[in-house]
Amino acid sequence: MGAQAKSESIGDARALLTEMITDEPDRLRRRSISLGVPVDDADDAAQMALLRAWRSVAHLETPEPGRVCSWLDAIARNVAIDLSRQRARRPQAELDDEMPDAVNVAGAAEIRVILDGALAALHDLPDSLREPLLLIAVDGLSAGEAAERLGIDPAAVRQRVARARKALGACRQSGMGAD
């Protein structure tokens, strides 16, 4: 098979796969549930199956609806088996019977908003300030070690970390907005 014919075959298979998913978007989800995937995980399993199918569509010999259906079912079955194996290796921790009260939920939501703002502010720092700060604050390196990794002087590392902390402090005072 020539390169152009193979490319056309892959294009046909992807078009057929796209059409199948568009026509019946819950097909893989239902198939995952029928294979024993918990309902809560069925959407994730369907997405994994679709991603695997999309990536390996070049291996499909003939893009015919029946073959694509069988092929997709086999991929969904393999995803269900993989998820089952993962669960067997990492059993889930038991949940407490107690429901969290509204105060705890509100507090957790407030903390999440603050953390999201902090991460956004950290992300908005220029690389020249963010990298030294993370090397020292997160990785626990000394100024000398960070300087060696970055190829700059230790004094420059300390100065950049001070600037980064000052920028983050200004964000904190303004409510953690990255503005």
N, C-alpha and C. Protein backbone atom coordinates (compact mmCIF):
# COMPACT_ATOMS: atom_id res chain seq x y z
N MET A 1 0.85 -1.17 0.00
CA MET A 1 0.00 0.00 0.00
C MET A 1 0.89 1.23 0.00
N GLY A 2 0.63 2.16 -0.92
CA GLY A 2 1.43 3.37 -1.03
C GLY A 2 1.14 4.32 0.11
N ALA A 3 2.02 5.30 0.27
CA ALA A 3 1.88 6.27 1.36
C ALA A 3 0.59 7.06 1.23
N GLN A 4 0.24 7.44 0.01
CA GLN A 4 -0.98 8.23 -0.19
C GLN A 4 -2.22 7.38 0.09
N ALA A 5 -2.21 6.12 -0.36
CA ALA A 5 -3.35 5.24 -0.12
C ALA A 5 -3.51 4.97 1.37
N LYS A 6 -2.39 4.79 2.07
CA LYS A 6 -2.44 4.56 3.52
C LYS A 6 -2.97 5.80 4.23
N SER A 7 -2.53 6.97 3.80
CA SER A 7 -3.00 8.22 4.39
C SER A 7 -4.50 8.39 4.16
N GLU A 8 -4.96 8.03 2.96
CA GLU A 8 -6.39 8.12 2.67
C GLU A 8 -7.17 7.12 3.52
N SER A 9 -6.61 5.92 3.70
CA SER A 9 -7.27 4.90 4.52
C SER A 9 -7.38 5.37 5.97
N ILE A 10 -6.32 5.97 6.49
CA ILE A 10 -6.35 6.50 7.86
C ILE A 10 -7.38 7.61 7.95
N GLY A 11 -7.41 8.48 6.94
CA GLY A 11 -8.40 9.56 6.92
C GLY A 11 -9.81 9.02 6.89
N ASP A 12 -10.04 7.96 6.09
CA ASP A 12 -11.36 7.33 6.03
C ASP A 12 -11.74 6.72 7.37
N ALA A 13 -10.78 6.05 8.00
CA ALA A 13 -11.05 5.42 9.29
C ALA A 13 -11.36 6.48 10.35
N ARG A 14 -10.60 7.56 10.35
CA ARG A 14 -10.87 8.63 11.33
C ARG A 14 -12.22 9.29 11.07
N ALA A 15 -12.57 9.47 9.80
CA ALA A 15 -13.87 10.05 9.46
C ALA A 15 -15.00 9.13 9.94
N LEU A 16 -14.84 7.84 9.72
CA LEU A 16 -15.85 6.88 10.16
C LEU A 16 -15.95 6.85 11.68
N LEU A 17 -14.81 6.88 12.36
CA LEU A 17 -14.79 6.90 13.82
C LEU A 17 -15.47 8.16 14.34
N THR A 18 -15.17 9.29 13.74
CA THR A 18 -15.79 10.56 14.14
C THR A 18 -17.30 10.50 13.92
N GLU A 19 -17.71 9.96 12.80
CA GLU A 19 -19.15 9.85 12.50
C GLU A 19 -19.85 8.95 13.51
N MET A 20 -19.21 7.83 13.86
CA MET A 20 -19.81 6.91 14.84
C MET A 20 -19.97 7.58 16.20
N ILE A 21 -18.97 8.29 16.63
CA ILE A 21 -19.03 8.95 17.93
C ILE A 21 -20.04 10.09 17.91
N THR A 22 -20.12 10.80 16.79
CA THR A 22 -21.07 11.90 16.67
C THR A 22 -22.50 11.37 16.66
N ASP A 23 -22.72 10.27 15.93
CA ASP A 23 -24.06 9.70 15.84
C ASP A 23 -24.53 9.06 17.14
N GLU A 24 -23.61 8.48 17.89
CA GLU A 24 -23.96 7.79 19.12
C GLU A 24 -22.92 8.09 20.20
N PRO A 25 -22.98 9.31 20.77
CA PRO A 25 -21.91 9.74 21.68
C PRO A 25 -21.80 8.93 22.97
N ASP A 26 -22.87 8.28 23.42
CA ASP A 26 -22.82 7.52 24.68
C ASP A 26 -22.48 6.05 24.47
N ARG A 27 -22.20 5.66 23.25
CA ARG A 27 -21.95 4.25 22.94
C ARG A 27 -20.81 3.67 23.77
N LEU A 28 -19.67 4.34 23.81
CA LEU A 28 -18.52 3.83 24.56
C LEU A 28 -18.77 3.85 26.06
N ARG A 29 -19.53 4.84 26.53
CA ARG A 29 -19.87 4.90 27.95
C ARG A 29 -20.73 3.70 28.33
N ARG A 30 -21.76 3.44 27.53
CA ARG A 30 -22.62 2.29 27.80
C ARG A 30 -21.85 0.98 27.71
N ARG A 31 -20.97 0.89 26.73
CA ARG A 31 -20.16 -0.32 26.57
C ARG A 31 -19.26 -0.52 27.78
N SER A 32 -18.68 0.56 28.28
CA SER A 32 -17.82 0.47 29.47
C SER A 32 -18.60 -0.03 30.67
N ILE A 33 -19.81 0.49 30.86
CA ILE A 33 -20.65 0.05 31.99
C ILE A 33 -20.98 -1.44 31.83
N SER A 34 -21.29 -1.85 30.59
CA SER A 34 -21.63 -3.26 30.37
C SER A 34 -20.45 -4.18 30.63
N LEU A 35 -19.25 -3.63 30.57
CA LEU A 35 -18.04 -4.41 30.83
C LEU A 35 -17.64 -4.40 32.31
N GLY A 36 -18.47 -3.76 33.15
CA GLY A 36 -18.22 -3.77 34.58
C GLY A 36 -17.52 -2.54 35.13
N VAL A 37 -17.32 -1.54 34.30
CA VAL A 37 -16.72 -0.30 34.78
C VAL A 37 -17.77 0.43 35.62
N PRO A 38 -17.43 0.88 36.84
CA PRO A 38 -18.41 1.61 37.66
C PRO A 38 -18.95 2.82 36.90
N VAL A 39 -20.21 3.13 37.14
CA VAL A 39 -20.88 4.22 36.43
C VAL A 39 -20.12 5.53 36.60
N ASP A 40 -19.55 5.75 37.78
CA ASP A 40 -18.80 6.99 38.03
C ASP A 40 -17.55 7.10 37.16
N ASP A 41 -17.01 5.97 36.74
CA ASP A 41 -15.78 5.95 35.94
C ASP A 41 -16.03 5.71 34.46
N ALA A 42 -17.28 5.53 34.08
CA ALA A 42 -17.60 5.15 32.70
C ALA A 42 -17.21 6.23 31.70
N ASP A 43 -17.41 7.51 32.04
CA ASP A 43 -17.02 8.58 31.11
C ASP A 43 -15.52 8.59 30.89
N ASP A 44 -14.75 8.40 31.97
CA ASP A 44 -13.29 8.36 31.84
C ASP A 44 -12.85 7.18 30.98
N ALA A 45 -13.48 6.03 31.21
CA ALA A 45 -13.13 4.84 30.43
C ALA A 45 -13.47 5.06 28.96
N ALA A 46 -14.60 5.68 28.69
CA ALA A 46 -14.98 5.95 27.30
C ALA A 46 -13.99 6.89 26.63
N GLN A 47 -13.56 7.91 27.35
CA GLN A 47 -12.59 8.85 26.79
C GLN A 47 -11.25 8.15 26.53
N MET A 48 -10.83 7.29 27.47
CA MET A 48 -9.57 6.57 27.26
C MET A 48 -9.67 5.66 26.04
N ALA A 49 -10.81 5.00 25.89
CA ALA A 49 -10.99 4.11 24.74
C ALA A 49 -10.97 4.91 23.45
N LEU A 50 -11.63 6.04 23.44
CA LEU A 50 -11.66 6.87 22.24
C LEU A 50 -10.27 7.39 21.91
N LEU A 51 -9.53 7.79 22.91
CA LEU A 51 -8.16 8.28 22.69
C LEU A 51 -7.27 7.16 22.13
N ARG A 52 -7.38 5.98 22.70
CA ARG A 52 -6.60 4.85 22.19
C ARG A 52 -6.99 4.54 20.74
N ALA A 53 -8.28 4.60 20.46
CA ALA A 53 -8.74 4.31 19.10
C ALA A 53 -8.19 5.35 18.13
N TRP A 54 -8.28 6.59 18.51
CA TRP A 54 -7.81 7.67 17.64
C TRP A 54 -6.31 7.52 17.34
N ARG A 55 -5.56 7.17 18.38
CA ARG A 55 -4.11 7.04 18.22
C ARG A 55 -3.72 5.82 17.38
N SER A 56 -4.53 4.78 17.44
CA SER A 56 -4.15 3.55 16.74
C SER A 56 -5.00 3.28 15.50
N VAL A 57 -5.69 4.29 15.02
CA VAL A 57 -6.56 4.10 13.86
C VAL A 57 -5.77 3.66 12.63
N ALA A 58 -4.50 3.93 12.59
CA ALA A 58 -3.67 3.53 11.45
C ALA A 58 -3.55 2.01 11.36
N HIS A 59 -3.77 1.30 12.47
CA HIS A 59 -3.66 -0.16 12.48
C HIS A 59 -4.93 -0.85 11.98
N LEU A 60 -5.98 -0.10 11.78
CA LEU A 60 -7.24 -0.67 11.29
C LEU A 60 -7.08 -0.99 9.82
N GLU A 61 -7.28 -2.25 9.46
CA GLU A 61 -7.02 -2.67 8.08
C GLU A 61 -8.03 -2.11 7.09
N THR A 62 -9.30 -2.28 7.37
CA THR A 62 -10.33 -1.76 6.46
C THR A 62 -11.34 -0.97 7.25
N PRO A 63 -11.51 0.29 6.90
CA PRO A 63 -12.44 1.14 7.65
C PRO A 63 -13.90 0.91 7.22
N GLU A 64 -14.47 -0.21 7.69
CA GLU A 64 -15.87 -0.50 7.44
C GLU A 64 -16.61 -0.39 8.76
N PRO A 65 -17.87 0.06 8.74
CA PRO A 65 -18.60 0.27 10.01
C PRO A 65 -18.58 -0.93 10.95
N GLY A 66 -18.80 -2.14 10.45
CA GLY A 66 -18.82 -3.31 11.31
C GLY A 66 -17.48 -3.58 11.95
N ARG A 67 -16.43 -3.45 11.16
CA ARG A 67 -15.08 -3.69 11.70
C ARG A 67 -14.69 -2.62 12.71
N VAL A 68 -15.04 -1.38 12.41
CA VAL A 68 -14.72 -0.30 13.35
C VAL A 68 -15.46 -0.51 14.66
N CYS A 69 -16.72 -0.96 14.59
CA CYS A 69 -17.51 -1.24 15.80
C CYS A 69 -16.84 -2.33 16.63
N SER A 70 -16.46 -3.41 16.01
CA SER A 70 -15.81 -4.51 16.73
C SER A 70 -14.48 -4.07 17.31
N TRP A 71 -13.73 -3.34 16.52
CA TRP A 71 -12.43 -2.83 16.93
C TRP A 71 -12.58 -1.92 18.14
N LEU A 72 -13.57 -1.03 18.09
CA LEU A 72 -13.82 -0.10 19.19
C LEU A 72 -14.26 -0.85 20.44
N ASP A 73 -15.07 -1.88 20.29
CA ASP A 73 -15.48 -2.69 21.43
C ASP A 73 -14.28 -3.40 22.06
N ALA A 74 -13.36 -3.87 21.24
CA ALA A 74 -12.16 -4.52 21.77
C ALA A 74 -11.31 -3.53 22.55
N ILE A 75 -11.20 -2.32 22.06
CA ILE A 75 -10.44 -1.30 22.77
C ILE A 75 -11.12 -0.97 24.10
N ALA A 76 -12.45 -0.82 24.09
CA ALA A 76 -13.19 -0.54 25.32
C ALA A 76 -13.01 -1.68 26.32
N ARG A 77 -13.01 -2.92 25.85
CA ARG A 77 -12.80 -4.08 26.72
C ARG A 77 -11.40 -4.02 27.35
N ASN A 78 -10.40 -3.66 26.54
CA ASN A 78 -9.03 -3.56 27.07
C ASN A 78 -8.91 -2.45 28.11
N VAL A 79 -9.59 -1.33 27.89
CA VAL A 79 -9.58 -0.24 28.86
C VAL A 79 -10.24 -0.70 30.16
N ALA A 80 -11.36 -1.42 30.06
CA ALA A 80 -12.04 -1.92 31.26
C ALA A 80 -11.13 -2.88 32.03
N ILE A 81 -10.41 -3.73 31.32
CA ILE A 81 -9.48 -4.66 31.97
C ILE A 81 -8.36 -3.88 32.66
N ASP A 82 -7.82 -2.87 31.96
CA ASP A 82 -6.75 -2.06 32.55
C ASP A 82 -7.22 -1.35 33.82
N LEU A 83 -8.44 -0.80 33.79
CA LEU A 83 -8.97 -0.12 34.97
C LEU A 83 -9.16 -1.10 36.12
N SER A 84 -9.63 -2.28 35.81
CA SER A 84 -9.82 -3.31 36.84
C SER A 84 -8.49 -3.69 37.47
N ARG A 85 -7.46 -3.82 36.66
CA ARG A 85 -6.13 -4.15 37.18
C ARG A 85 -5.59 -3.02 38.06
N GLN A 86 -5.83 -1.77 37.63
CA GLN A 86 -5.37 -0.63 38.43
C GLN A 86 -6.05 -0.64 39.79
N ARG A 87 -7.35 -0.92 39.82
CA ARG A 87 -8.08 -0.94 41.09
C ARG A 87 -7.57 -2.05 41.99
N ALA A 88 -7.22 -3.17 41.41
CA ALA A 88 -6.73 -4.29 42.20
C ALA A 88 -5.38 -3.96 42.85
N ARG A 89 -4.57 -3.17 42.13
CA ARG A 89 -3.26 -2.78 42.68
C ARG A 89 -3.37 -1.67 43.70
N ARG A 90 -4.35 -0.77 43.52
CA ARG A 90 -4.52 0.38 44.41
C ARG A 90 -5.95 0.41 44.95
N PRO A 91 -6.22 -0.36 45.99
CA PRO A 91 -7.59 -0.35 46.53
C PRO A 91 -7.94 1.04 47.08
N GLN A 92 -9.20 1.38 46.93
CA GLN A 92 -9.65 2.69 47.40
C GLN A 92 -9.79 2.69 48.92
N ALA A 93 -9.47 3.82 49.52
CA ALA A 93 -9.63 3.97 50.95
C ALA A 93 -11.12 4.10 51.26
N GLU A 94 -11.50 3.59 52.41
CA GLU A 94 -12.89 3.69 52.79
C GLU A 94 -13.21 5.13 53.18
N LEU A 95 -14.41 5.56 52.82
CA LEU A 95 -14.85 6.91 53.14
C LEU A 95 -15.50 6.93 54.52
N ASP A 96 -15.36 8.05 55.18
CA ASP A 96 -16.03 8.21 56.47
C ASP A 96 -17.53 8.27 56.23
N ASP A 97 -18.28 7.73 57.19
CA ASP A 97 -19.73 7.78 57.09
C ASP A 97 -20.27 9.18 57.35
N GLU A 98 -19.46 10.00 58.02
CA GLU A 98 -19.93 11.33 58.36
C GLU A 98 -19.87 12.25 57.13
N MET A 99 -20.90 13.02 56.98
CA MET A 99 -20.95 14.01 55.90
C MET A 99 -20.27 15.28 56.40
N PRO A 100 -19.48 15.93 55.57
CA PRO A 100 -18.86 17.18 56.01
C PRO A 100 -19.93 18.24 56.20
N ASP A 101 -19.73 19.06 57.22
CA ASP A 101 -20.72 20.11 57.42
C ASP A 101 -20.47 21.27 56.47
N ALA A 102 -21.45 22.14 56.36
CA ALA A 102 -21.39 23.24 55.39
C ALA A 102 -20.20 24.15 55.65
N VAL A 103 -19.82 24.33 56.91
CA VAL A 103 -18.70 25.20 57.24
C VAL A 103 -17.41 24.63 56.66
N ASN A 104 -17.21 23.31 56.81
CA ASN A 104 -16.01 22.69 56.27
C ASN A 104 -15.98 22.77 54.75
N VAL A 105 -17.12 22.57 54.11
CA VAL A 105 -17.19 22.63 52.66
C VAL A 105 -16.91 24.06 52.19
N ALA A 106 -17.50 25.04 52.86
CA ALA A 106 -17.26 26.44 52.49
C ALA A 106 -15.79 26.80 52.71
N GLY A 107 -15.23 26.33 53.82
CA GLY A 107 -13.82 26.61 54.09
C GLY A 107 -12.91 25.96 53.05
N ALA A 108 -13.25 24.74 52.67
CA ALA A 108 -12.46 24.06 51.65
C ALA A 108 -12.57 24.78 50.31
N ALA A 109 -13.76 25.28 49.99
CA ALA A 109 -13.94 26.01 48.74
C ALA A 109 -13.14 27.32 48.77
N GLU A 110 -13.14 27.97 49.91
CA GLU A 110 -12.38 29.23 50.04
C GLU A 110 -10.89 28.97 49.90
N ILE A 111 -10.42 27.89 50.51
CA ILE A 111 -9.01 27.53 50.40
C ILE A 111 -8.66 27.23 48.95
N ARG A 112 -9.58 26.54 48.25
CA ARG A 112 -9.34 26.20 46.84
C ARG A 112 -9.22 27.47 45.99
N VAL A 113 -10.08 28.45 46.26
CA VAL A 113 -10.02 29.72 45.51
C VAL A 113 -8.69 30.41 45.76
N ILE A 114 -8.26 30.41 47.01
CA ILE A 114 -6.98 31.04 47.36
C ILE A 114 -5.82 30.31 46.68
N LEU A 115 -5.85 28.98 46.74
CA LEU A 115 -4.78 28.21 46.11
C LEU A 115 -4.76 28.41 44.59
N ASP A 116 -5.94 28.45 43.98
CA ASP A 116 -6.00 28.69 42.54
C ASP A 116 -5.40 30.06 42.20
N GLY A 117 -5.71 31.05 43.02
CA GLY A 117 -5.15 32.39 42.81
C GLY A 117 -3.64 32.40 42.98
N ALA A 118 -3.17 31.66 43.99
CA ALA A 118 -1.72 31.60 44.23
C ALA A 118 -1.01 30.91 43.07
N LEU A 119 -1.59 29.83 42.59
CA LEU A 119 -0.98 29.13 41.45
C LEU A 119 -0.99 30.00 40.20
N ALA A 120 -2.07 30.74 39.99
CA ALA A 120 -2.13 31.63 38.83
C ALA A 120 -1.08 32.72 38.95
N ALA A 121 -0.93 33.27 40.16
CA ALA A 121 0.07 34.33 40.38
C ALA A 121 1.48 33.76 40.17
N LEU A 122 1.71 32.56 40.65
CA LEU A 122 3.02 31.92 40.47
C LEU A 122 3.27 31.65 38.99
N HIS A 123 2.25 31.19 38.29
CA HIS A 123 2.38 30.92 36.85
C HIS A 123 2.64 32.20 36.06
N ASP A 124 2.09 33.31 36.52
CA ASP A 124 2.25 34.58 35.81
C ASP A 124 3.62 35.23 36.02
N LEU A 125 4.38 34.72 36.98
CA LEU A 125 5.73 35.25 37.17
C LEU A 125 6.58 34.93 35.94
N PRO A 126 7.48 35.81 35.57
CA PRO A 126 8.39 35.45 34.47
C PRO A 126 9.26 34.27 34.88
N ASP A 127 9.68 33.48 33.90
CA ASP A 127 10.50 32.30 34.18
C ASP A 127 11.75 32.66 34.98
N SER A 128 12.32 33.82 34.71
CA SER A 128 13.56 34.22 35.38
C SER A 128 13.35 34.39 36.89
N LEU A 129 12.11 34.65 37.33
CA LEU A 129 11.83 34.77 38.77
C LEU A 129 11.23 33.47 39.32
N ARG A 130 10.37 32.82 38.54
CA ARG A 130 9.68 31.62 39.01
C ARG A 130 10.65 30.47 39.24
N GLU A 131 11.58 30.24 38.30
CA GLU A 131 12.48 29.09 38.42
C GLU A 131 13.35 29.15 39.68
N PRO A 132 14.02 30.27 39.97
CA PRO A 132 14.81 30.29 41.22
C PRO A 132 13.94 30.12 42.47
N LEU A 133 12.75 30.73 42.46
CA LEU A 133 11.86 30.63 43.61
C LEU A 133 11.47 29.16 43.85
N LEU A 134 11.10 28.45 42.80
CA LEU A 134 10.69 27.05 42.95
C LEU A 134 11.86 26.16 43.36
N LEU A 135 13.04 26.45 42.81
CA LEU A 135 14.21 25.64 43.19
C LEU A 135 14.52 25.78 44.68
N ILE A 136 14.35 26.98 45.21
CA ILE A 136 14.67 27.20 46.62
C ILE A 136 13.50 26.82 47.53
N ALA A 137 12.28 27.30 47.21
CA ALA A 137 11.14 27.09 48.09
C ALA A 137 10.57 25.67 48.01
N VAL A 138 10.53 25.10 46.83
CA VAL A 138 9.91 23.78 46.67
C VAL A 138 10.95 22.66 46.72
N ASP A 139 12.02 22.82 45.96
CA ASP A 139 13.03 21.76 45.90
C ASP A 139 14.00 21.81 47.08
N GLY A 140 14.00 22.91 47.83
CA GLY A 140 14.84 23.02 49.01
C GLY A 140 16.33 23.19 48.71
N LEU A 141 16.65 23.70 47.53
CA LEU A 141 18.06 23.92 47.20
C LEU A 141 18.57 25.19 47.86
N SER A 142 19.86 25.24 48.06
CA SER A 142 20.48 26.47 48.55
C SER A 142 20.63 27.43 47.37
N ALA A 143 20.95 28.69 47.67
CA ALA A 143 21.15 29.67 46.60
C ALA A 143 22.30 29.24 45.69
N GLY A 144 23.32 28.66 46.27
CA GLY A 144 24.45 28.18 45.47
C GLY A 144 24.07 27.04 44.54
N GLU A 145 23.28 26.08 45.06
CA GLU A 145 22.85 24.96 44.24
C GLU A 145 21.92 25.41 43.11
N ALA A 146 21.01 26.33 43.45
CA ALA A 146 20.09 26.85 42.44
C ALA A 146 20.88 27.64 41.39
N ALA A 147 21.87 28.40 41.83
CA ALA A 147 22.69 29.19 40.91
C ALA A 147 23.42 28.27 39.94
N GLU A 148 23.92 27.16 40.47
CA GLU A 148 24.64 26.21 39.62
C GLU A 148 23.71 25.62 38.56
N ARG A 149 22.49 25.27 38.96
CA ARG A 149 21.53 24.72 37.99
C ARG A 149 21.12 25.74 36.94
N LEU A 150 20.98 26.99 37.35
CA LEU A 150 20.52 28.02 36.44
C LEU A 150 21.65 28.69 35.67
N GLY A 151 22.88 28.45 36.10
CA GLY A 151 24.02 29.05 35.42
C GLY A 151 24.16 30.54 35.70
N ILE A 152 23.80 30.96 36.91
CA ILE A 152 23.92 32.37 37.30
C ILE A 152 24.59 32.44 38.67
N ASP A 153 24.88 33.65 39.13
CA ASP A 153 25.52 33.84 40.43
C ASP A 153 24.52 33.62 41.56
N PRO A 154 25.00 33.14 42.72
CA PRO A 154 24.12 32.99 43.88
C PRO A 154 23.45 34.30 44.30
N ALA A 155 24.17 35.41 44.13
CA ALA A 155 23.57 36.71 44.49
C ALA A 155 22.39 37.01 43.58
N ALA A 156 22.51 36.64 42.30
CA ALA A 156 21.40 36.85 41.36
C ALA A 156 20.21 35.97 41.73
N VAL A 157 20.47 34.76 42.19
CA VAL A 157 19.39 33.87 42.62
C VAL A 157 18.65 34.50 43.79
N ARG A 158 19.41 34.96 44.80
CA ARG A 158 18.77 35.56 45.97
C ARG A 158 17.96 36.79 45.58
N GLN A 159 18.49 37.59 44.68
CA GLN A 159 17.78 38.79 44.23
C GLN A 159 16.49 38.42 43.50
N ARG A 160 16.55 37.42 42.63
CA ARG A 160 15.37 37.00 41.88
C ARG A 160 14.30 36.39 42.79
N VAL A 161 14.75 35.63 43.78
CA VAL A 161 13.80 35.06 44.74
C VAL A 161 13.12 36.17 45.52
N ALA A 162 13.88 37.18 45.92
CA ALA A 162 13.30 38.31 46.66
C ALA A 162 12.28 39.04 45.79
N ARG A 163 12.59 39.23 44.52
CA ARG A 163 11.65 39.89 43.61
C ARG A 163 10.39 39.05 43.41
N ALA A 164 10.55 37.75 43.28
CA ALA A 164 9.40 36.86 43.10
C ALA A 164 8.51 36.89 44.33
N ARG A 165 9.13 36.85 45.52
CA ARG A 165 8.33 36.89 46.76
C ARG A 165 7.61 38.22 46.90
N LYS A 166 8.27 39.29 46.49
CA LYS A 166 7.65 40.61 46.56
C LYS A 166 6.44 40.67 45.61
N ALA A 167 6.59 40.12 44.41
CA ALA A 167 5.50 40.11 43.44
C ALA A 167 4.33 39.27 43.96
N LEU A 168 4.63 38.13 44.55
CA LEU A 168 3.58 37.28 45.09
C LEU A 168 2.93 37.93 46.31
N GLY A 169 3.71 38.64 47.10
CA GLY A 169 3.15 39.36 48.25
C GLY A 169 2.17 40.43 47.81
N ALA A 170 2.48 41.11 46.73
CA ALA A 170 1.56 42.13 46.19
C ALA A 170 0.27 41.47 45.72
N CYS A 171 0.36 40.29 45.14
CA CYS A 171 -0.84 39.57 44.70
C CYS A 171 -1.68 39.16 45.90
N ARG A 172 -1.01 38.71 46.96
CA ARG A 172 -1.73 38.29 48.17
C ARG A 172 -2.50 39.44 48.78
N GLN A 173 -1.89 40.63 48.80
CA GLN A 173 -2.56 41.78 49.37
C GLN A 173 -3.75 42.22 48.53
N SER A 174 -3.72 41.92 47.25
CA SER A 174 -4.83 42.31 46.39
C SER A 174 -5.83 41.17 46.22
N GLY A 175 -5.78 40.15 47.08
CA GLY A 175 -6.74 39.07 47.04
C GLY A 175 -6.32 37.91 46.15
N MET A 176 -5.06 37.75 45.89
CA MET A 176 -4.48 36.66 45.09
C MET A 176 -4.86 36.75 43.62
N GLY A 177 -5.32 37.85 43.17
CA GLY A 177 -5.57 38.00 41.74
C GLY A 177 -4.26 38.12 41.03
N ALA A 178 -4.21 37.61 39.82
CA ALA A 178 -2.97 37.67 39.05
C ALA A 178 -2.91 38.97 38.25
N ASP A 179 -3.75 39.90 38.59
CA ASP A 179 -3.80 41.16 37.83
C ASP A 179 -2.56 41.97 38.01
